[in-house]
Structures are given as C-alpha cells and as structure tokens.
Amino acid sequence: MRVGRTVLYLLFVSAVSTVLPAQQAAAPPHTSTVQSDPCKPRVTPPVRDPHTPGFVTATELRDGAVPPADKDGNFILGPTHNPAPEMQPNSSLPHGTLYEFTMESKDSKFYPGIVREPCTFGTPDPHDPTKMVVTTSHPGPYTRQVGVYVPKQYVPGTAAPFLVGADGIDRTMPIVLDNLIAAHKIPAIIFISIGNGSGDAQGSERGLEYDTMSGKYAEWVQAEVLPLVESKYNVKLTSDPEGRATTGGSSGGSCALIMAWYHPEWYHRVLTYSGTYVNQQWPPNPDTPHGAWEFHEHLIPSSPATPIRLWLEVGDRDNLNSNTLRDNMHDWVVANENMARVLAAKGYHYQFVFARNAGHTDRAVRAQTLPEALEYLWQGYPIAK
C-alpha cells in the first residue's frame, strides 16, 4: 500500500468547474451503453413507459422538477434533466478537503484479486440457464484508488457520520456536499469513495466484490478501509448505523444495498442509481441462486422489515439483457420497479425515481437529482445549526 497525494478541494474546484460543462454538454443525447465492456457491441435499450401495467403507481412530476426531499413514494421525472444548483461550486462557502490514497491487492486478506481475460465472456450453463459458466477468470493483482472528503465543519475528535461510495474517486460529490452541508440540509458527513478492483460482471474483481450476495464486502470495508481512513486523516467515524450510509450506481448500487442488508448493524441508509438488482452473481450461491434479483423475488418480501432507508432510480432506457443469459432476470427497469413494489409492501421508507429520457446511470439525471437524493437519504438525522 502506498500513500497518495493530498488534494485540497479548493485547488480542484476550478478544475472541476471546467470539466462539468463538458460532461453536461454530452448528456442531452443520453446515449446509453448497456455494457461497460469495450469488447461488446453497444446497444441502446428500448424506451419503457412508467405506466406499463404491473409497474408501480407513481406521481408524475412537472418537467425539470425533482421529488420533495421529505416524501416517501414513487415519482416520475420529466425528460429534461438540468443540473441542480448545488452541483456548481460556490466560492463563498466553506470547502472540505479531498484526500487520496491507493490500496494494493497484495495487502488484502479479503480480496487477493482475480482477473477475467480481456474480451472473453461467460456462457450460459447448459444445465441451468440462470447460471453463467466462466472459464477465463484467474488470480490477478489490482490497485484501487480511494478518496476521502472531510468537510470543513468536521470537528476533530468527534464521531462523524459518513457515506461510502463505489467505483472510484468521485470529484463532483464534494461540490454537492459543500453546498448541502453549508445550507444545513444534511449533516457534516465524511465521504469515502472506494475504487473497484477492476473489470466488470461475472469473473471480474469488480463483479466479485459488488455482485456477491453476502456480507463480505461490508466486512472488508469495516476491517481494511475504515481504519485506514481514521488513521491517515485524523478523523473518527461513527459506529451508529443511523449515521452510516452507502451509495453506488449499477453493480455499485446493488453492492450498496448488499452492504446494508447483510450488516444492518452497520448501515441504515442506501442511495442507488440504476441498481443492478438482477441475476449477476458469480460464482453462484445456492442460498441466493438468482443473485441480487433475490432482493425483490424473495429476501425483502419474506423477511421482517429492517431499518434501511433507500433512495433508488432507474432510467426509461436502462439496461436490458446485457449479457448472454436469457433468464428473464436481466431487466434493470423491471428489477427496480419490483424493488419499489416490495419496499412499499413491507412499509420501508423509500423514494423511487423513474427517469424519462435516461439511460443506465445517466449523468444528467444524477446531476439533476443528487442533491435531493442526499437530502432525502439523511432525513431524521440530527443536523448541527
């Protein structure tokens, strides 16, 4: 493991502000890649109607509006996705600091590393079409990047609430947090964004970490990441699950819920974009044979409600059948609609957003909704005035 450089957020605000317009300019077409693997053909999924029979009943918002941050339920975003004001840097506000460091696979007792050979894919099991056979995955090293945002308002020695993110250092989140914390809309949270171990889907390190239905990833974060954050940056992280949250997109989103589901004593708040609540787990697990599809198929309906609060989003052109499995469990829109239905039936506090004119983990939708989503996520938690 080697220590990376410390990046002062004040220094990167100007750089981020020059990057954001380019990202937003690219967003209006909302071109969506079903698979992140460059070796696979790019396919644009069909547009889904939020009023399709069997989908949840939802409130249709005026175009450009977002749901109220204090309301549970189902909402439909219009087709226009302008960034929220909180996505822009404000030089008059206190700015937190973003630190960076790296972690090596050789130092992990949990994840020594696997790699799937480039441009190789699994094939359906001829004896069970719900399972993927992968023969080109083998041990291999990785280096992951970790970012730690500490708000200016953090008081050294106090136990801080925090948010764990997936898929690498998020350089836009500190802007949003600076704005929301200064406005007293959320607590002064520490944000820990953790890179994945590379690759995607079955047979990859990322797939192993994010799609496995178990407590292992949360246990790794607890044992190997959080202690490093505390020791490196002189912060104290709360042990109160009400003050601990997770977030991610795609498989990073399902991972966020997996962390809270298998360790509700650690996490009570979850925020996901295009969550991969589908049959993506590899290797197979007989306890959860359909991977994260099990959340809405069996686990949530058949289990007592937990204290998890959940914000989740899906796009009308989200992923559909993104690999060779044709098991009727690879439809991201249906999966997230099912999640909303079972969460409502069990009485969870949740907010579900169906976004029109939106692809998988759509950047424009995220820029429009992230401030409201974070405010919803932290409802009920004390905020210092």
Protein backbone atom coordinates (compact mmCIF):
# COMPACT_ATOMS: atom_id res chain seq x y z
CA MET A 1 0.00 0.00 0.00
CA ARG A 2 1.30 3.42 -0.79
CA VAL A 3 0.11 6.82 0.33
CA GLY A 4 -1.15 9.07 -2.43
CA ARG A 5 -1.10 12.79 -2.58
CA THR A 6 -3.38 15.05 -0.60
CA VAL A 7 -5.62 17.09 -2.82
CA LEU A 8 -7.05 20.27 -1.40
CA TYR A 9 -10.58 20.71 -2.58
CA LEU A 10 -10.05 24.45 -3.01
CA LEU A 11 -7.48 23.65 -5.68
CA PHE A 12 -9.64 21.30 -7.70
CA VAL A 13 -12.86 23.35 -7.60
CA SER A 14 -11.77 25.39 -10.60
CA ALA A 15 -10.66 22.28 -12.47
CA VAL A 16 -13.93 20.51 -11.78
CA SER A 17 -15.93 23.53 -12.86
CA THR A 18 -14.25 23.38 -16.25
CA VAL A 19 -14.94 19.68 -16.57
CA LEU A 20 -18.61 19.82 -15.60
CA PRO A 21 -19.84 21.85 -18.59
CA ALA A 22 -18.28 19.34 -20.97
CA GLN A 23 -19.98 16.49 -19.14
CA GLN A 24 -23.31 18.29 -19.19
CA ALA A 25 -22.93 19.15 -22.88
CA ALA A 26 -22.52 15.46 -23.65
CA ALA A 27 -25.53 14.49 -21.58
CA PRO A 28 -28.57 15.72 -23.60
CA PRO A 29 -28.46 12.88 -26.17
CA HIS A 30 -28.43 10.49 -23.17
CA THR A 31 -26.62 7.86 -25.19
CA SER A 32 -26.50 4.73 -23.10
CA THR A 33 -24.09 1.84 -23.23
CA VAL A 34 -25.71 -1.33 -21.99
CA GLN A 35 -22.35 -2.90 -21.20
CA SER A 36 -19.25 -1.17 -19.91
CA ASP A 37 -17.02 -3.75 -21.60
CA PRO A 38 -15.49 -2.19 -24.76
CA CYS A 39 -15.28 -5.60 -26.41
CA LYS A 40 -19.06 -5.94 -26.53
CA PRO A 41 -21.29 -4.23 -29.11
CA ARG A 42 -23.10 -1.16 -27.88
CA VAL A 43 -26.86 -1.49 -27.86
CA THR A 44 -29.48 1.12 -26.99
CA PRO A 45 -32.30 -0.49 -24.99
CA PRO A 46 -35.97 0.18 -25.77
CA VAL A 47 -37.80 3.05 -24.08
CA ARG A 48 -40.04 1.87 -21.26
CA ASP A 49 -43.30 3.54 -20.23
CA PRO A 50 -43.56 4.17 -16.46
CA HIS A 51 -47.30 3.49 -16.74
CA THR A 52 -46.78 -0.04 -18.07
CA PRO A 53 -49.23 -2.49 -16.45
CA GLY A 54 -47.56 -4.07 -13.45
CA PHE A 55 -45.32 -1.09 -12.76
CA VAL A 56 -45.87 0.83 -9.54
CA THR A 57 -48.26 3.77 -9.43
CA ALA A 58 -46.16 6.92 -9.35
CA THR A 59 -46.55 10.68 -9.15
CA GLU A 60 -45.75 12.39 -12.45
CA LEU A 61 -43.63 15.47 -11.74
CA ARG A 62 -43.62 18.56 -13.93
CA ASP A 63 -40.73 18.54 -16.37
CA GLY A 64 -37.50 19.61 -14.67
CA ALA A 65 -38.79 19.09 -11.13
CA VAL A 66 -37.49 16.62 -8.56
CA PRO A 67 -39.41 14.94 -5.74
CA PRO A 68 -39.74 16.65 -2.36
CA ALA A 69 -36.90 15.57 -0.10
CA ASP A 70 -39.21 14.70 2.78
CA LYS A 71 -41.67 12.43 0.95
CA ASP A 72 -41.64 8.66 0.53
CA GLY A 73 -43.06 7.01 -2.57
CA ASN A 74 -42.74 6.67 -6.34
CA PHE A 75 -42.06 9.57 -8.72
CA ILE A 76 -41.61 10.05 -12.47
CA LEU A 77 -39.10 12.62 -13.73
CA GLY A 78 -39.81 14.50 -16.95
CA PRO A 79 -37.45 14.30 -19.94
CA THR A 80 -35.44 17.46 -19.17
CA HIS A 81 -32.52 17.00 -16.79
CA ASN A 82 -30.82 20.26 -15.92
CA PRO A 83 -28.18 20.16 -13.17
CA ALA A 84 -29.28 21.21 -9.70
CA PRO A 85 -27.78 24.49 -8.43
CA GLU A 86 -25.87 22.57 -5.77
CA MET A 87 -23.80 20.89 -8.49
CA GLN A 88 -21.94 24.17 -9.05
CA PRO A 89 -19.03 25.31 -6.82
CA ASN A 90 -19.72 28.27 -4.55
CA SER A 91 -16.57 30.15 -3.57
CA SER A 92 -18.33 31.90 -0.68
CA LEU A 93 -18.89 28.65 1.24
CA PRO A 94 -16.53 26.57 3.40
CA HIS A 95 -14.82 23.90 1.31
CA GLY A 96 -13.86 20.48 2.54
CA THR A 97 -10.67 18.65 1.65
CA LEU A 98 -10.38 15.64 -0.64
CA TYR A 99 -7.57 13.22 0.20
CA GLU A 100 -6.47 10.30 -1.95
CA PHE A 101 -4.59 7.07 -1.35
CA THR A 102 -4.19 3.69 -3.04
CA MET A 103 -4.68 0.11 -1.87
CA GLU A 104 -2.94 -2.95 -3.34
CA SER A 105 -4.38 -6.44 -3.67
CA LYS A 106 -1.30 -7.97 -2.05
CA ASP A 107 -2.21 -6.23 1.21
CA SER A 108 -5.79 -7.55 1.40
CA LYS A 109 -6.83 -10.57 3.41
CA PHE A 110 -10.31 -10.39 1.84
CA TYR A 111 -9.69 -9.74 -1.87
CA PRO A 112 -6.33 -11.03 -3.20
CA GLY A 113 -7.55 -10.30 -6.74
CA ILE A 114 -9.00 -12.02 -9.79
CA VAL A 115 -8.99 -11.07 -13.49
CA ARG A 116 -11.10 -12.22 -16.42
CA GLU A 117 -9.14 -12.35 -19.66
CA PRO A 118 -9.89 -9.38 -21.96
CA CYS A 119 -12.68 -9.86 -24.49
CA THR A 120 -13.69 -13.21 -23.05
CA PHE A 121 -17.13 -13.81 -21.63
CA GLY A 122 -19.07 -16.46 -19.85
CA THR A 123 -21.63 -18.75 -21.44
CA PRO A 124 -24.96 -19.98 -20.05
CA ASP A 125 -24.77 -23.24 -18.14
CA PRO A 126 -26.43 -25.83 -20.42
CA HIS A 127 -27.91 -27.47 -17.34
CA ASP A 128 -29.18 -24.26 -15.74
CA PRO A 129 -29.84 -21.18 -17.92
CA THR A 130 -29.82 -18.93 -14.83
CA LYS A 131 -26.11 -19.60 -14.26
CA MET A 132 -23.06 -18.30 -16.12
CA VAL A 133 -20.04 -20.50 -16.77
CA VAL A 134 -16.79 -18.51 -16.77
CA THR A 135 -13.59 -20.37 -17.65
CA THR A 136 -11.22 -17.43 -18.25
CA SER A 137 -11.08 -15.94 -14.77
CA HIS A 138 -7.90 -16.41 -12.75
CA PRO A 139 -5.95 -14.76 -9.90
CA GLY A 140 -4.52 -11.37 -10.75
CA PRO A 141 -3.39 -8.22 -8.91
CA TYR A 142 -5.06 -4.82 -8.76
CA THR A 143 -4.51 -1.33 -7.42
CA ARG A 144 -7.52 0.62 -6.25
CA GLN A 145 -7.91 4.35 -5.63
CA VAL A 146 -9.69 5.68 -2.55
CA GLY A 147 -10.88 9.24 -1.99
CA VAL A 148 -11.78 10.73 1.39
CA TYR A 149 -13.68 14.01 1.59
CA VAL A 150 -13.58 15.67 5.01
CA PRO A 151 -15.90 18.67 5.39
CA LYS A 152 -14.58 21.95 6.71
CA GLN A 153 -17.15 21.71 9.51
CA TYR A 154 -15.71 18.47 10.88
CA VAL A 155 -14.59 18.84 14.50
CA PRO A 156 -11.51 16.66 15.19
CA GLY A 157 -12.15 14.01 17.81
CA THR A 158 -15.89 13.83 17.21
CA ALA A 159 -17.55 10.80 15.63
CA ALA A 160 -18.67 11.81 12.16
CA PRO A 161 -21.48 10.37 10.04
CA PHE A 162 -20.22 9.11 6.70
CA LEU A 163 -21.14 7.85 3.25
CA VAL A 164 -19.33 5.01 1.44
CA GLY A 165 -19.31 5.21 -2.37
CA ALA A 166 -18.33 2.79 -5.11
CA ASP A 167 -16.36 2.80 -8.37
CA GLY A 168 -13.58 5.21 -7.63
CA ILE A 169 -12.89 8.76 -6.54
CA ASP A 170 -15.91 10.98 -7.12
CA ARG A 171 -14.74 14.55 -7.70
CA THR A 172 -18.21 16.05 -8.09
CA MET A 173 -19.63 14.81 -4.79
CA PRO A 174 -17.52 17.24 -2.68
CA ILE A 175 -19.11 20.18 -4.51
CA VAL A 176 -22.60 18.93 -3.65
CA LEU A 177 -21.63 18.16 -0.06
CA ASP A 178 -20.07 21.59 0.45
CA ASN A 179 -23.33 23.19 -0.68
CA LEU A 180 -25.72 20.94 1.23
CA ILE A 181 -23.71 20.96 4.47
CA ALA A 182 -23.41 24.77 4.43
CA ALA A 183 -27.18 25.03 3.88
CA HIS A 184 -27.82 22.67 6.83
CA LYS A 185 -29.71 20.29 4.57
CA ILE A 186 -27.55 17.30 5.52
CA PRO A 187 -25.13 16.63 8.39
CA ALA A 188 -21.40 17.27 8.02
CA ILE A 189 -20.63 13.86 6.56
CA ILE A 190 -17.31 12.36 5.55
CA PHE A 191 -17.45 10.78 2.10
CA ILE A 192 -15.28 7.73 1.33
CA SER A 193 -15.25 6.78 -2.36
CA ILE A 194 -13.62 3.42 -2.99
CA GLY A 195 -12.40 2.21 -6.37
CA ASN A 196 -13.29 -1.29 -7.50
CA GLY A 197 -10.69 -3.98 -8.17
CA SER A 198 -11.10 -3.70 -11.98
CA GLY A 199 -13.17 -5.38 -14.67
CA ASP A 200 -16.92 -5.85 -14.75
CA ALA A 201 -19.53 -8.57 -14.32
CA GLN A 202 -19.01 -12.29 -13.89
CA GLY A 203 -15.41 -13.43 -13.48
CA SER A 204 -14.04 -9.96 -12.68
CA GLU A 205 -12.83 -8.50 -9.41
CA ARG A 206 -15.48 -5.77 -9.58
CA GLY A 207 -18.19 -8.36 -10.12
CA LEU A 208 -16.89 -10.47 -7.26
CA GLU A 209 -16.90 -7.50 -4.90
CA TYR A 210 -20.16 -5.85 -5.92
CA ASP A 211 -22.48 -8.65 -7.09
CA THR A 212 -21.81 -11.25 -4.39
CA MET A 213 -24.77 -11.65 -2.06
CA SER A 214 -23.01 -11.78 1.29
CA GLY A 215 -21.59 -9.55 3.99
CA LYS A 216 -18.03 -9.92 2.72
CA TYR A 217 -17.64 -6.54 1.00
CA ALA A 218 -19.02 -4.64 4.01
CA GLU A 219 -16.70 -6.66 6.25
CA TRP A 220 -13.75 -5.74 4.05
CA VAL A 221 -14.66 -2.05 4.24
CA GLN A 222 -15.02 -2.34 8.01
CA ALA A 223 -11.73 -4.19 8.52
CA GLU A 224 -9.40 -2.76 5.88
CA VAL A 225 -10.71 0.60 4.65
CA LEU A 226 -12.31 2.49 7.54
CA PRO A 227 -9.36 2.01 9.93
CA LEU A 228 -7.02 3.41 7.26
CA VAL A 229 -9.25 6.44 6.78
CA GLU A 230 -9.30 7.16 10.50
CA SER A 231 -5.56 6.73 10.98
CA LYS A 232 -4.45 8.61 7.87
CA TYR A 233 -6.63 11.69 8.24
CA ASN A 234 -7.17 12.03 11.97
CA VAL A 235 -10.91 11.53 11.82
CA LYS A 236 -13.29 9.41 13.84
CA LEU A 237 -16.14 7.60 12.06
CA THR A 238 -19.38 6.96 13.86
CA SER A 239 -20.38 3.41 14.80
CA ASP A 240 -24.07 4.39 14.82
CA PRO A 241 -25.74 2.73 11.80
CA GLU A 242 -28.10 5.70 11.54
CA GLY A 243 -25.05 7.79 10.69
CA ARG A 244 -23.58 5.37 8.15
CA ALA A 245 -24.73 5.32 4.52
CA THR A 246 -23.79 3.63 1.24
CA THR A 247 -24.17 4.65 -2.40
CA GLY A 248 -23.37 3.46 -5.90
CA GLY A 249 -24.55 3.03 -9.46
CA SER A 250 -25.22 -0.15 -11.42
CA SER A 251 -23.49 -3.04 -9.60
CA GLY A 252 -22.09 -0.43 -7.21
CA GLY A 253 -25.72 0.30 -6.34
CA SER A 254 -26.67 -3.29 -5.63
CA CYS A 255 -23.45 -3.51 -3.60
CA ALA A 256 -24.61 -0.52 -1.55
CA LEU A 257 -27.80 -2.35 -0.60
CA ILE A 258 -25.96 -5.64 -0.06
CA MET A 259 -23.74 -3.89 2.49
CA ALA A 260 -26.74 -2.66 4.46
CA TRP A 261 -28.84 -5.79 4.05
CA TYR A 262 -26.21 -8.19 5.38
CA HIS A 263 -24.94 -5.76 8.02
CA PRO A 264 -27.85 -3.59 9.19
CA GLU A 265 -25.94 -3.08 12.42
CA TRP A 266 -23.50 -1.00 10.35
CA TYR A 267 -25.59 0.78 7.68
CA HIS A 268 -29.14 2.13 7.59
CA ARG A 269 -29.10 4.45 4.55
CA VAL A 270 -28.72 3.47 0.87
CA LEU A 271 -28.72 5.55 -2.36
CA THR A 272 -28.59 3.83 -5.77
CA TYR A 273 -28.68 4.79 -9.44
CA SER A 274 -29.68 2.03 -11.91
CA GLY A 275 -29.11 -0.57 -9.22
CA THR A 276 -28.15 -4.00 -10.58
CA TYR A 277 -30.89 -5.86 -8.75
CA VAL A 278 -30.56 -8.65 -11.32
CA ASN A 279 -29.04 -12.13 -11.61
CA GLN A 280 -25.38 -11.11 -11.85
CA GLN A 281 -23.74 -13.04 -9.01
CA TRP A 282 -20.69 -15.20 -9.77
CA PRO A 283 -19.72 -17.72 -8.54
CA PRO A 284 -23.28 -18.94 -7.87
CA ASN A 285 -24.51 -19.22 -4.32
CA PRO A 286 -27.22 -21.81 -3.57
CA ASP A 287 -28.59 -19.59 -0.78
CA THR A 288 -29.26 -16.81 -3.31
CA PRO A 289 -29.33 -18.61 -6.68
CA HIS A 290 -30.66 -15.57 -8.55
CA GLY A 291 -28.16 -13.06 -7.17
CA ALA A 292 -29.49 -9.59 -6.38
CA TRP A 293 -32.76 -10.44 -8.15
CA GLU A 294 -33.43 -12.28 -4.89
CA PHE A 295 -33.92 -8.94 -3.12
CA HIS A 296 -37.32 -8.37 -4.70
CA GLU A 297 -38.08 -12.00 -5.50
CA HIS A 298 -37.62 -13.47 -2.01
CA LEU A 299 -35.47 -11.63 0.53
CA ILE A 300 -37.41 -8.41 1.13
CA PRO A 301 -40.90 -9.95 0.77
CA SER A 302 -40.16 -12.85 3.12
CA SER A 303 -38.08 -11.04 5.76
CA PRO A 304 -39.07 -8.69 8.57
CA ALA A 305 -38.53 -5.06 7.60
CA THR A 306 -35.13 -3.66 8.55
CA PRO A 307 -34.36 -0.02 9.45
CA ILE A 308 -32.90 0.65 5.98
CA ARG A 309 -33.91 3.90 4.25
CA LEU A 310 -33.50 3.69 0.47
CA TRP A 311 -33.42 6.13 -2.46
CA LEU A 312 -33.32 4.44 -5.85
CA GLU A 313 -33.52 5.49 -9.51
CA VAL A 314 -33.88 3.83 -12.90
CA GLY A 315 -33.93 5.23 -16.45
CA ASP A 316 -36.57 4.54 -19.10
CA ARG A 317 -33.77 3.25 -21.36
CA ASP A 318 -31.92 1.34 -18.68
CA ASN A 319 -30.15 -1.95 -19.24
CA LEU A 320 -31.93 -4.95 -20.73
CA ASN A 321 -30.33 -8.39 -21.28
CA SER A 322 -26.78 -7.08 -21.08
CA ASN A 323 -25.15 -10.49 -21.40
CA THR A 324 -25.82 -13.89 -22.95
CA LEU A 325 -28.13 -15.09 -20.18
CA ARG A 326 -31.80 -15.06 -21.20
CA ASP A 327 -33.20 -15.90 -17.81
CA ASN A 328 -35.82 -13.14 -17.51
CA MET A 329 -33.76 -11.71 -14.66
CA HIS A 330 -31.66 -9.16 -16.55
CA ASP A 331 -34.08 -6.26 -16.94
CA TRP A 332 -32.92 -3.30 -14.84
CA VAL A 333 -36.21 -1.41 -15.25
CA VAL A 334 -38.34 -4.33 -14.10
CA ALA A 335 -35.90 -5.07 -11.26
CA ASN A 336 -36.07 -1.54 -9.88
CA GLU A 337 -39.85 -1.40 -10.34
CA ASN A 338 -40.07 -4.65 -8.40
CA MET A 339 -37.87 -3.16 -5.69
CA ALA A 340 -40.26 -0.22 -5.29
CA ARG A 341 -43.24 -2.53 -5.08
CA VAL A 342 -41.81 -4.84 -2.39
CA LEU A 343 -40.36 -1.94 -0.36
CA ALA A 344 -43.79 -0.31 -0.25
CA ALA A 345 -45.47 -3.58 0.71
CA LYS A 346 -43.12 -4.01 3.67
CA GLY A 347 -43.52 -0.41 4.86
CA TYR A 348 -39.98 0.81 4.18
CA HIS A 349 -39.05 4.47 4.00
CA TYR A 350 -38.00 4.72 0.37
CA GLN A 351 -38.14 7.04 -2.62
CA PHE A 352 -38.17 5.59 -6.14
CA VAL A 353 -37.48 7.77 -9.17
CA PHE A 354 -38.29 6.64 -12.72
CA ALA A 355 -36.46 8.99 -15.09
CA ARG A 356 -37.74 9.65 -18.59
CA ASN A 357 -35.20 10.21 -21.37
CA ALA A 358 -32.49 8.49 -19.34
CA GLY A 359 -30.02 5.67 -19.77
CA HIS A 360 -28.06 3.50 -17.39
CA THR A 361 -26.54 5.52 -14.51
CA ASP A 362 -27.40 8.61 -16.52
CA ARG A 363 -25.06 11.52 -15.72
CA ALA A 364 -27.62 14.23 -16.42
CA VAL A 365 -30.20 12.58 -14.15
CA ARG A 366 -27.62 12.27 -11.41
CA ALA A 367 -26.70 15.96 -11.74
CA GLN A 368 -30.38 16.85 -11.50
CA THR A 369 -31.31 14.61 -8.58
CA LEU A 370 -28.23 14.01 -6.40
CA PRO A 371 -28.75 16.95 -4.00
CA GLU A 372 -32.39 15.99 -3.38
CA ALA A 373 -31.44 12.31 -3.08
CA LEU A 374 -28.84 13.08 -0.42
CA GLU A 375 -31.25 15.30 1.46
CA TYR A 376 -33.85 12.52 1.41
CA LEU A 377 -31.25 9.96 2.44
CA TRP A 378 -30.33 11.87 5.61
CA GLN A 379 -33.87 12.65 6.75
CA GLY A 380 -34.22 12.17 10.50
CA TYR A 381 -30.53 12.50 11.30
CA PRO A 382 -29.52 15.43 13.58
CA ILE A 383 -28.04 18.39 11.73
CA ALA A 384 -25.93 20.93 13.61
CA LYS A 385 -27.09 24.51 13.08
